[in-house]
C-alpha atoms as a PDB file:
ATOM      1  CA  MET A   1      98.665  94.936 118.519  1.00  0.00           C
ATOM      2  CA  ASN A   2      99.089  94.062 114.753  1.00  0.00           C
ATOM      3  CA  ILE A   3     100.448  90.557 114.436  1.00  0.00           C
ATOM      4  CA  ASN A   4     101.097  90.874 111.177  1.00  0.00           C
ATOM      5  CA  LEU A   5     104.855  90.103 110.259  1.00  0.00           C
ATOM      6  CA  ASN A   6     106.449  92.688 107.886  1.00  0.00           C
ATOM      7  CA  THR A   7     108.566  90.923 104.873  1.00  0.00           C
ATOM      8  CA  ASN A   8     109.646  93.680 102.784  1.00  0.00           C
ATOM      9  CA  ILE A   9     112.225  94.804 106.125  1.00  0.00           C
ATOM     10  CA  ALA A  10     114.161  91.894 105.333  1.00  0.00           C
ATOM     11  CA  ALA A  11     113.993  92.082 100.914  1.00  0.00           C
ATOM     12  CA  ASN A  12     117.974  93.135 100.863  1.00  0.00           C
ATOM     13  CA  TYR A  13     118.928  89.439 103.028  1.00  0.00           C
ATOM     14  CA  ARG A  14     119.680  86.610 101.613  1.00  0.00           C
ATOM     15  CA  SER A  15     119.712  83.920 104.213  1.00  0.00           C
ATOM     16  CA  ASN A  16     116.478  82.856 105.672  1.00  0.00           C
ATOM     17  CA  THR A  17     117.753  82.639 109.148  1.00  0.00           C
ATOM     18  CA  GLN A  18     118.847  86.487 108.738  1.00  0.00           C
ATOM     19  CA  LYS A  19     115.555  87.506 107.123  1.00  0.00           C
ATOM     20  CA  ILE A  20     113.572  86.231 109.956  1.00  0.00           C
ATOM     21  CA  ARG A  21     115.673  87.933 112.630  1.00  0.00           C
ATOM     22  CA  VAL A  22     115.126  91.128 111.073  1.00  0.00           C
ATOM     23  CA  ILE A  23     111.734  90.256 110.377  1.00  0.00           C
ATOM     24  CA  THR A  24     110.834  89.295 113.929  1.00  0.00           C
ATOM     25  CA  GLU A  25     112.535  91.663 115.614  1.00  0.00           C
ATOM     26  CA  TYR A  26     111.213  94.274 113.641  1.00  0.00           C
ATOM     27  CA  TRP A  27     107.992  93.267 114.857  1.00  0.00           C
ATOM     28  CA  VAL A  28     108.934  92.899 118.639  1.00  0.00           C
ATOM     29  CA  LYS A  29     110.256  96.739 118.227  1.00  0.00           C
ATOM     30  CA  GLN A  30     106.844  98.025 116.284  1.00  0.00           C
ATOM     31  CA  ASN A  31     104.647  96.198 118.770  1.00  0.00           C
ATOM     32  CA  GLY A  32     106.370  95.328 121.839  1.00  0.00           C
ATOM     33  CA  TYR A  33     106.717  97.080 124.931  1.00  0.00           C
ATOM     34  CA  CYS A  34     108.294  96.921 128.203  1.00  0.00           C
ATOM     35  CA  PRO A  35     106.334  94.932 130.431  1.00  0.00           C
ATOM     36  CA  ASN A  36     107.496  96.814 133.623  1.00  0.00           C
ATOM     37  CA  CYS A  37     106.564 100.014 132.862  1.00  0.00           C
ATOM     38  CA  GLY A  38     104.868 100.147 129.234  1.00  0.00           C
ATOM     39  CA  ASN A  39     107.780 102.366 127.547  1.00  0.00           C
ATOM     40  CA  LYS A  40     108.686 101.688 124.207  1.00  0.00           C
ATOM     41  CA  LEU A  41     111.466  99.247 123.645  1.00  0.00           C
ATOM     42  CA  LEU A  42     114.538 100.522 121.966  1.00  0.00           C
ATOM     43  CA  SER A  43     117.143  98.251 120.449  1.00  0.00           C
ATOM     44  CA  PHE A  44     120.783  97.573 120.782  1.00  0.00           C
ATOM     45  CA  ALA A  45     123.268  97.716 118.143  1.00  0.00           C
ATOM     46  CA  ASN A  46     123.657  94.757 115.939  1.00  0.00           C
ATOM     47  CA  ASN A  47     125.909  91.376 116.618  1.00  0.00           C
ATOM     48  CA  ARG A  48     125.381  92.614 120.572  1.00  0.00           C
ATOM     49  CA  PRO A  49     126.351  89.463 122.603  1.00  0.00           C
ATOM     50  CA  VAL A  50     123.752  89.337 125.012  1.00  0.00           C
ATOM     51  CA  SER A  51     120.328  91.395 124.596  1.00  0.00           C
ATOM     52  CA  ASP A  52     118.193  92.583 121.531  1.00  0.00           C
ATOM     53  CA  PHE A  53     116.274  95.297 122.946  1.00  0.00           C
ATOM     54  CA  PHE A  54     116.168  97.632 126.373  1.00  0.00           C
ATOM     55  CA  CYS A  55     113.773  99.923 128.406  1.00  0.00           C
ATOM     56  CA  ASP A  56     115.471 103.141 128.508  1.00  0.00           C
ATOM     57  CA  ASN A  57     112.990 104.083 131.102  1.00  0.00           C
ATOM     58  CA  CYS A  58     113.223 101.566 133.985  1.00  0.00           C
ATOM     59  CA  LYS A  59     117.012  99.887 132.100  1.00  0.00           C
ATOM     60  CA  GLU A  60     115.563  96.596 132.017  1.00  0.00           C
ATOM     61  CA  GLU A  61     117.193  94.224 128.932  1.00  0.00           C
ATOM     62  CA  PHE A  62     115.133  91.959 126.584  1.00  0.00           C
ATOM     63  CA  GLU A  63     116.740  88.745 124.303  1.00  0.00           C
ATOM     64  CA  LEU A  64     114.573  87.473 121.809  1.00  0.00           C
ATOM     65  CA  LYS A  65     114.112  83.883 120.558  1.00  0.00           C
ATOM     66  CA  SER A  66     112.064  83.227 117.637  1.00  0.00           C
ATOM     67  CA  LYS A  67     110.511  79.694 116.334  1.00  0.00           C
ATOM     68  CA  LYS A  68     108.575  78.679 113.316  1.00  0.00           C
ATOM     69  CA  GLY A  69     105.235  77.081 113.752  1.00  0.00           C
ATOM     70  CA  ALA A  70     102.112  77.630 115.693  1.00  0.00           C
ATOM     71  CA  GLU A  71     103.208  75.145 118.590  1.00  0.00           C
ATOM     72  CA  ILE A  72     105.342  76.865 121.434  1.00  0.00           C
ATOM     73  CA  GLY A  73     106.731  73.204 122.306  1.00  0.00           C
ATOM     74  CA  MET A  74     108.537  71.977 125.407  1.00  0.00           C
ATOM     75  CA  LYS A  75     112.047  72.995 123.915  1.00  0.00           C
ATOM     76  CA  ILE A  76     113.673  75.871 122.114  1.00  0.00           C
ATOM     77  CA  VAL A  77     116.781  75.437 120.603  1.00  0.00           C
ATOM     78  CA  ASP A  78     119.030  77.520 121.656  1.00  0.00           C
ATOM     79  CA  GLY A  79     123.150  78.632 120.667  1.00  0.00           C
ATOM     80  CA  ALA A  80     126.140  77.405 122.798  1.00  0.00           C
ATOM     81  CA  TYR A  81     125.589  76.147 126.236  1.00  0.00           C
ATOM     82  CA  SER A  82     128.667  78.129 128.436  1.00  0.00           C
ATOM     83  CA  SER A  83     127.595  81.354 126.620  1.00  0.00           C
ATOM     84  CA  MET A  84     123.759  80.860 127.820  1.00  0.00           C
ATOM     85  CA  LEU A  85     124.865  79.605 131.329  1.00  0.00           C
ATOM     86  CA  ASN A  86     127.412  82.587 131.632  1.00  0.00           C
ATOM     87  CA  ARG A  87     124.510  84.742 130.564  1.00  0.00           C
ATOM     88  CA  ILE A  88     121.761  83.851 132.942  1.00  0.00           C
ATOM     89  CA  THR A  89     123.826  83.576 136.010  1.00  0.00           C
ATOM     90  CA  SER A  90     125.388  87.305 134.787  1.00  0.00           C
ATOM     91  CA  GLU A  91     124.026  90.504 137.247  1.00  0.00           C
ATOM     92  CA  ARG A  92     122.663  91.587 133.937  1.00  0.00           C
ATOM     93  CA  ASN A  93     120.923  88.520 132.660  1.00  0.00           C
ATOM     94  CA  PRO A  94     117.905  89.634 130.167  1.00  0.00           C
ATOM     95  CA  HIS A  95     114.477  88.623 130.376  1.00  0.00           C
ATOM     96  CA  PHE A  96     113.726  86.364 127.502  1.00  0.00           C
ATOM     97  CA  PHE A  97     111.107  86.847 124.884  1.00  0.00           C
ATOM     98  CA  PHE A  98     109.704  84.074 123.025  1.00  0.00           C
ATOM     99  CA  LEU A  99     107.934  84.812 119.415  1.00  0.00           C
ATOM    100  CA  THR A 100     106.644  81.766 117.099  1.00  0.00           C
ATOM    101  CA  TYR A 101     104.754  82.628 114.220  1.00  0.00           C
ATOM    102  CA  ASP A 102     103.021  81.141 111.106  1.00  0.00           C
ATOM    103  CA  LYS A 103     105.402  80.876 107.960  1.00  0.00           C
ATOM    104  CA  THR A 104     102.474  80.554 105.960  1.00  0.00           C
ATOM    105  CA  LYS A 105     100.906  83.657 106.873  1.00  0.00           C
ATOM    106  CA  MET A 106     103.337  85.064 108.026  1.00  0.00           C
ATOM    107  CA  THR A 107     101.605  86.306 111.225  1.00  0.00           C
ATOM    108  CA  VAL A 108     102.739  86.162 115.370  1.00  0.00           C
ATOM    109  CA  VAL A 109     100.938  83.014 116.939  1.00  0.00           C
ATOM    110  CA  ASN A 110     102.386  83.584 120.355  1.00  0.00           C
ATOM    111  CA  PHE A 111     105.132  86.442 121.728  1.00  0.00           C
ATOM    112  CA  PHE A 112     105.351  85.851 125.702  1.00  0.00           C
ATOM    113  CA  ILE A 113     107.910  87.103 127.907  1.00  0.00           C
ATOM    114  CA  ILE A 114     109.679  84.820 130.985  1.00  0.00           C
ATOM    115  CA  PRO A 115     111.603  87.225 133.466  1.00  0.00           C
ATOM    116  CA  ASN A 116     114.989  86.406 134.170  1.00  0.00           C
ATOM    117  CA  PHE A 117     114.764  85.133 137.587  1.00  0.00           C
ATOM    118  CA  TYR A 118     113.336  82.001 136.255  1.00  0.00           C
ATOM    119  CA  PHE A 119     116.173  81.098 134.285  1.00  0.00           C
ATOM    120  CA  THR A 120     118.203  78.392 136.641  1.00  0.00           C
ATOM    121  CA  PRO A 121     120.755  76.296 135.311  1.00  0.00           C
ATOM    122  CA  GLU A 122     118.364  73.484 135.244  1.00  0.00           C
ATOM    123  CA  ILE A 123     116.399  74.705 132.705  1.00  0.00           C
ATOM    124  CA  ILE A 124     119.457  74.745 130.221  1.00  0.00           C
ATOM    125  CA  GLU A 125     119.903  71.705 128.426  1.00  0.00           C
ATOM    126  CA  LYS A 126     123.346  70.785 127.240  1.00  0.00           C
ATOM    127  CA  ARG A 127     123.161  68.870 123.814  1.00  0.00           C
ATOM    128  CA  ASN A 128     125.701  66.758 122.441  1.00  0.00           C
ATOM    129  CA  PRO A 129     129.445  68.043 121.334  1.00  0.00           C
ATOM    130  CA  LEU A 130     129.484  68.184 117.308  1.00  0.00           C
ATOM    131  CA  THR A 131     131.266  65.404 115.628  1.00  0.00           C
ATOM    132  CA  PRO A 132     134.844  65.200 115.040  1.00  0.00           C
ATOM    133  CA  THR A 133     133.766  65.972 111.057  1.00  0.00           C
ATOM    134  CA  ALA A 134     131.613  68.442 111.605  1.00  0.00           C
ATOM    135  CA  LYS A 135     133.119  71.944 110.513  1.00  0.00           C
ATOM    136  CA  ARG A 136     132.773  73.259 114.665  1.00  0.00           C
ATOM    137  CA  SER A 137     133.641  69.641 115.771  1.00  0.00           C
ATOM    138  CA  GLY A 138     133.505  69.744 119.436  1.00  0.00           C
ATOM    139  CA  TRP A 139     130.938  72.639 119.949  1.00  0.00           C
ATOM    140  CA  ILE A 140     128.109  72.340 122.657  1.00  0.00           C
ATOM    141  CA  GLY A 141     125.024  73.300 121.959  1.00  0.00           C
ATOM    142  CA  CYS A 142     122.132  74.125 124.415  1.00  0.00           C
ATOM    143  CA  ASN A 143     118.253  73.560 124.795  1.00  0.00           C
ATOM    144  CA  ILE A 144     115.990  76.076 127.032  1.00  0.00           C
ATOM    145  CA  ASN A 145     113.485  73.387 128.758  1.00  0.00           C
ATOM    146  CA  LEU A 146     110.525  75.753 128.815  1.00  0.00           C
ATOM    147  CA  SER A 147     108.685  72.346 130.776  1.00  0.00           C
ATOM    148  CA  LEU A 148     110.225  73.699 133.667  1.00  0.00           C
ATOM    149  CA  ILE A 149     108.588  77.317 134.023  1.00  0.00           C
ATOM    150  CA  PRO A 150     105.217  77.470 135.384  1.00  0.00           C
ATOM    151  CA  GLU A 151     102.148  78.992 133.591  1.00  0.00           C
ATOM    152  CA  MET A 152     102.471  81.970 135.537  1.00  0.00           C
ATOM    153  CA  GLY A 153     106.340  82.977 134.459  1.00  0.00           C
ATOM    154  CA  LYS A 154     104.991  82.819 131.137  1.00  0.00           C
ATOM    155  CA  VAL A 155     103.939  86.586 130.170  1.00  0.00           C
ATOM    156  CA  PHE A 156     101.627  86.402 127.544  1.00  0.00           C
ATOM    157  CA  TYR A 157     101.343  89.720 124.626  1.00  0.00           C
ATOM    158  CA  VAL A 158      99.844  87.216 122.239  1.00  0.00           C
ATOM    159  CA  LYS A 159      98.845  83.601 122.319  1.00  0.00           C
ATOM    160  CA  ASN A 160      97.393  81.544 119.947  1.00  0.00           C
ATOM    161  CA  SER A 161      96.843  84.305 117.547  1.00  0.00           C
ATOM    162  CA  ILE A 162      94.840  86.740 120.671  1.00  0.00           C
ATOM    163  CA  THR A 163      96.175  89.577 121.441  1.00  0.00           C
ATOM    164  CA  PHE A 164      96.049  90.821 125.273  1.00  0.00           C
ATOM    165  CA  SER A 165      95.840  94.351 126.046  1.00  0.00           C
ATOM    166  CA  LYS A 166      98.735  96.202 127.480  1.00  0.00           C
ATOM    167  CA  TYR A 167      96.522  96.724 131.318  1.00  0.00           C
ATOM    168  CA  GLU A 168      96.806  92.566 131.296  1.00  0.00           C
ATOM    169  CA  VAL A 169     100.707  92.688 130.284  1.00  0.00           C
ATOM    170  CA  LEU A 170     101.467  94.349 132.857  1.00  0.00           C
ATOM    171  CA  HIS A 171      99.329  92.833 135.531  1.00  0.00           C
ATOM    172  CA  ASP A 172     100.452  89.437 134.954  1.00  0.00           C
ATOM    173  CA  TRP A 173     104.062  90.389 135.090  1.00  0.00           C
ATOM    174  CA  GLU A 174     103.848  92.334 138.113  1.00  0.00           C
ATOM    175  CA  LYS A 175     102.271  89.472 140.096  1.00  0.00           C
ATOM    176  CA  THR A 176     105.063  87.404 139.421  1.00  0.00           C
ATOM    177  CA  GLN A 177     107.209  90.322 140.226  1.00  0.00           C
ATOM    178  CA  PHE A 178     107.630  88.839 144.086  1.00  0.00           C
ATOM    179  CA  LEU A 179     109.864  86.334 143.147  1.00  0.00           C
ATOM    180  CA  LYS A 180     112.491  88.884 142.500  1.00  0.00           C
ATOM    181  CA  THR A 181     113.147  89.520 145.851  1.00  0.00           C
ATOM    182  CA  GLU A 182     113.477  85.925 146.954  1.00  0.00           C
ATOM    183  CA  GLU A 183     116.486  84.316 147.652  1.00  0.00           C
ATOM    184  CA  ARG A 184     117.226  81.405 145.151  1.00  0.00           C
ATOM    185  CA  GLU A 185     117.008  78.482 147.584  1.00  0.00           C
ATOM    186  CA  SER A 186     113.359  80.316 148.560  1.00  0.00           C
ATOM    187  CA  ARG A 187     112.661  80.941 144.721  1.00  0.00           C
ATOM    188  CA  GLY A 188     113.334  77.377 143.663  1.00  0.00           C
ATOM    189  CA  TRP A 189     110.984  76.269 146.315  1.00  0.00           C
ATOM    190  CA  ILE A 190     108.135  78.423 144.906  1.00  0.00           C
ATOM    191  CA  ILE A 191     108.844  77.839 141.636  1.00  0.00           C
ATOM    192  CA  ASP A 192     108.888  73.780 141.772  1.00  0.00           C
ATOM    193  CA  ILE A 193     105.163  74.255 144.097  1.00  0.00           C
ATOM    194  CA  LEU A 194     103.888  76.112 140.918  1.00  0.00           C
ATOM    195  CA  ASN A 195     104.849  73.840 138.744  1.00  0.00           C
ATOM    196  CA  CYS A 196     102.996  70.991 140.704  1.00  0.00           C
ATOM    197  CA  ILE A 197      99.844  73.259 140.860  1.00  0.00           C
ATOM    198  CA  ASP A 198     100.235  73.589 136.836  1.00  0.00           C
ATOM    199  CA  LYS A 199     100.262  69.814 136.614  1.00  0.00           C
ATOM    200  CA  ILE A 200      96.589  69.252 138.838  1.00  0.00           C
ATOM    201  CA  ASP A 201      94.046  69.145 135.957  1.00  0.00           C
ATOM    202  CA  LYS A 202      91.594  71.216 137.992  1.00  0.00           C
ATOM    203  CA  GLU A 203      90.502  74.633 139.254  1.00  0.00           C
ATOM    204  CA  ILE A 204      89.755  73.576 143.027  1.00  0.00           C
ATOM    205  CA  PHE A 205      92.647  71.161 144.214  1.00  0.00           C
ATOM    206  CA  SER A 206      93.414  70.126 147.746  1.00  0.00           C
ATOM    207  CA  LEU A 207      96.392  69.230 149.984  1.00  0.00           C
ATOM    208  CA  GLN A 208      96.265  65.818 149.533  1.00  0.00           C
ATOM    209  CA  ASP A 209      96.816  66.745 145.179  1.00  0.00           C
ATOM    210  CA  ILE A 210      99.573  68.727 146.431  1.00  0.00           C
ATOM    211  CA  TYR A 211     100.941  65.739 148.934  1.00  0.00           C
ATOM    212  CA  LYS A 212     101.193  63.376 145.316  1.00  0.00           C
ATOM    213  CA  PHE A 213     104.671  65.056 144.388  1.00  0.00           C
ATOM    214  CA  GLU A 214     106.042  64.506 147.942  1.00  0.00           C
ATOM    215  CA  SER A 215     108.500  61.993 146.096  1.00  0.00           C
ATOM    216  CA  HIS A 216     109.404  64.212 143.418  1.00  0.00           C
ATOM    217  CA  LEU A 217     110.024  67.150 145.581  1.00  0.00           C
ATOM    218  CA  LYS A 218     112.196  64.937 147.796  1.00  0.00           C
ATOM    219  CA  LEU A 219     114.175  64.104 144.612  1.00  0.00           C
ATOM    220  CA  LYS A 220     114.890  67.764 144.156  1.00  0.00           C
ATOM    221  CA  HIS A 221     115.765  68.734 147.421  1.00  0.00           C
ATOM    222  CA  PRO A 222     117.297  65.713 149.024  1.00  0.00           C
ATOM    223  CA  ASN A 223     118.196  67.154 152.215  1.00  0.00           C
ATOM    224  CA  ASN A 224     114.657  68.551 153.189  1.00  0.00           C
ATOM    225  CA  ASN A 225     113.180  65.738 155.731  1.00  0.00           C
ATOM    226  CA  PHE A 226     110.280  68.016 155.987  1.00  0.00           C
ATOM    227  CA  ILE A 227     108.578  67.771 152.643  1.00  0.00           C
ATOM    228  CA  LYS A 228     105.078  68.539 153.694  1.00  0.00           C
ATOM    229  CA  ASP A 229     105.924  70.952 156.147  1.00  0.00           C
ATOM    230  CA  LYS A 230     107.629  72.734 153.435  1.00  0.00           C
ATOM    231  CA  ILE A 231     104.668  72.488 150.654  1.00  0.00           C
ATOM    232  CA  ARG A 232     102.129  74.531 153.501  1.00  0.00           C
ATOM    233  CA  GLN A 233     104.389  76.965 153.674  1.00  0.00           C
ATOM    234  CA  GLN A 234     104.433  77.618 150.079  1.00  0.00           C
ATOM    235  CA  LEU A 235     101.108  77.126 149.919  1.00  0.00           C
ATOM    236  CA  GLN A 236     100.787  79.923 152.508  1.00  0.00           C
ATOM    237  CA  LEU A 237     103.004  81.974 150.512  1.00  0.00           C
ATOM    238  CA  LEU A 238     101.221  81.827 147.500  1.00  0.00           C
ATOM    239  CA  ARG A 239      97.944  82.049 149.161  1.00  0.00           C
ATOM    240  CA  ASP A 240      99.473  85.786 150.809  1.00  0.00           C
ATOM    241  CA  LYS A 241     100.537  87.041 147.077  1.00  0.00           C
ATOM    242  CA  GLY A 242      96.979  85.837 145.773  1.00  0.00           C
ATOM    243  CA  ILE A 243      98.321  83.773 143.183  1.00  0.00           C
ATOM    244  CA  ILE A 244      95.970  80.863 144.767  1.00  0.00           C
ATOM    245  CA  GLU A 245      93.058  81.270 147.218  1.00  0.00           C
ATOM    246  CA  PHE A 246      92.588  78.866 150.526  1.00  0.00           C
ATOM    247  CA  LEU A 247      88.713  77.752 150.476  1.00  0.00           C
ATOM    248  CA  GLY A 248      89.354  75.878 153.988  1.00  0.00           C
ATOM    249  CA  LYS A 249      89.210  71.760 154.825  1.00  0.00           C
ATOM    250  CA  GLY A 250      92.503  71.735 152.977  1.00  0.00           C
ATOM    251  CA  LYS A 251      91.123  73.033 149.373  1.00  0.00           C
ATOM    252  CA  TYR A 252      92.709  76.188 147.438  1.00  0.00           C
ATOM    253  CA  ARG A 253      91.398  77.351 143.987  1.00  0.00           C
ATOM    254  CA  LYS A 254      93.799  78.345 141.068  1.00  0.00           C
ATOM    255  CA  VAL A 255      93.383  82.401 140.646  1.00  0.00           C
ATOM    256  CA  HIS A 256      93.509  83.471 136.937  1.00  0.00           C
END
């Protein structure tokens, strides 16, 4: 995978925003592929309101978000709040590609995809309305809060300028697909537990380490009076799916 961006493709554009859109979309079309089946991606017609790319083989759809700078950061600035909510709750909600680039070198630093089933209204933050003196007075934008996405939900093609093989990408994508068939409430619990595991800064952790998040989980699930039971249930599911390994005596290991 070539991480260099072709700037010549946008030579006829004046706006910097248009230039980077054209450059990054061209790069994805040339270098990207469907994480579900490995097929080459095709572009939708320009100005389509929902997706940028699609796979003609498995019919998956994808939208690209690009950001200047080496760091991914916790939040990605996006467009209209209401439009984004409609997009992620629709039956044909796209998967999201995220690309960060080095403006000086014009190279891709990070390129990853988050499956659509990780996108819930919770991760879409409403920004303040534009002021009365603004050209689009009252318009409300949004941020995508990537900090609420567990690491397993970010499937990297390029990370810190290092590329991954197609085998690795397809494998990491497949590993997370069990969530697709889970009911919304169950999926929410699994994602919450994955985020708790991510916050534990060691490879081997204990049940007691997870129990420390009990009060946090209670705030997110106030109607559940058996938080510890639910935690153990989700850990067993993650063990069965090969996401963590049970070592015995209340100990677990993260599986990379």
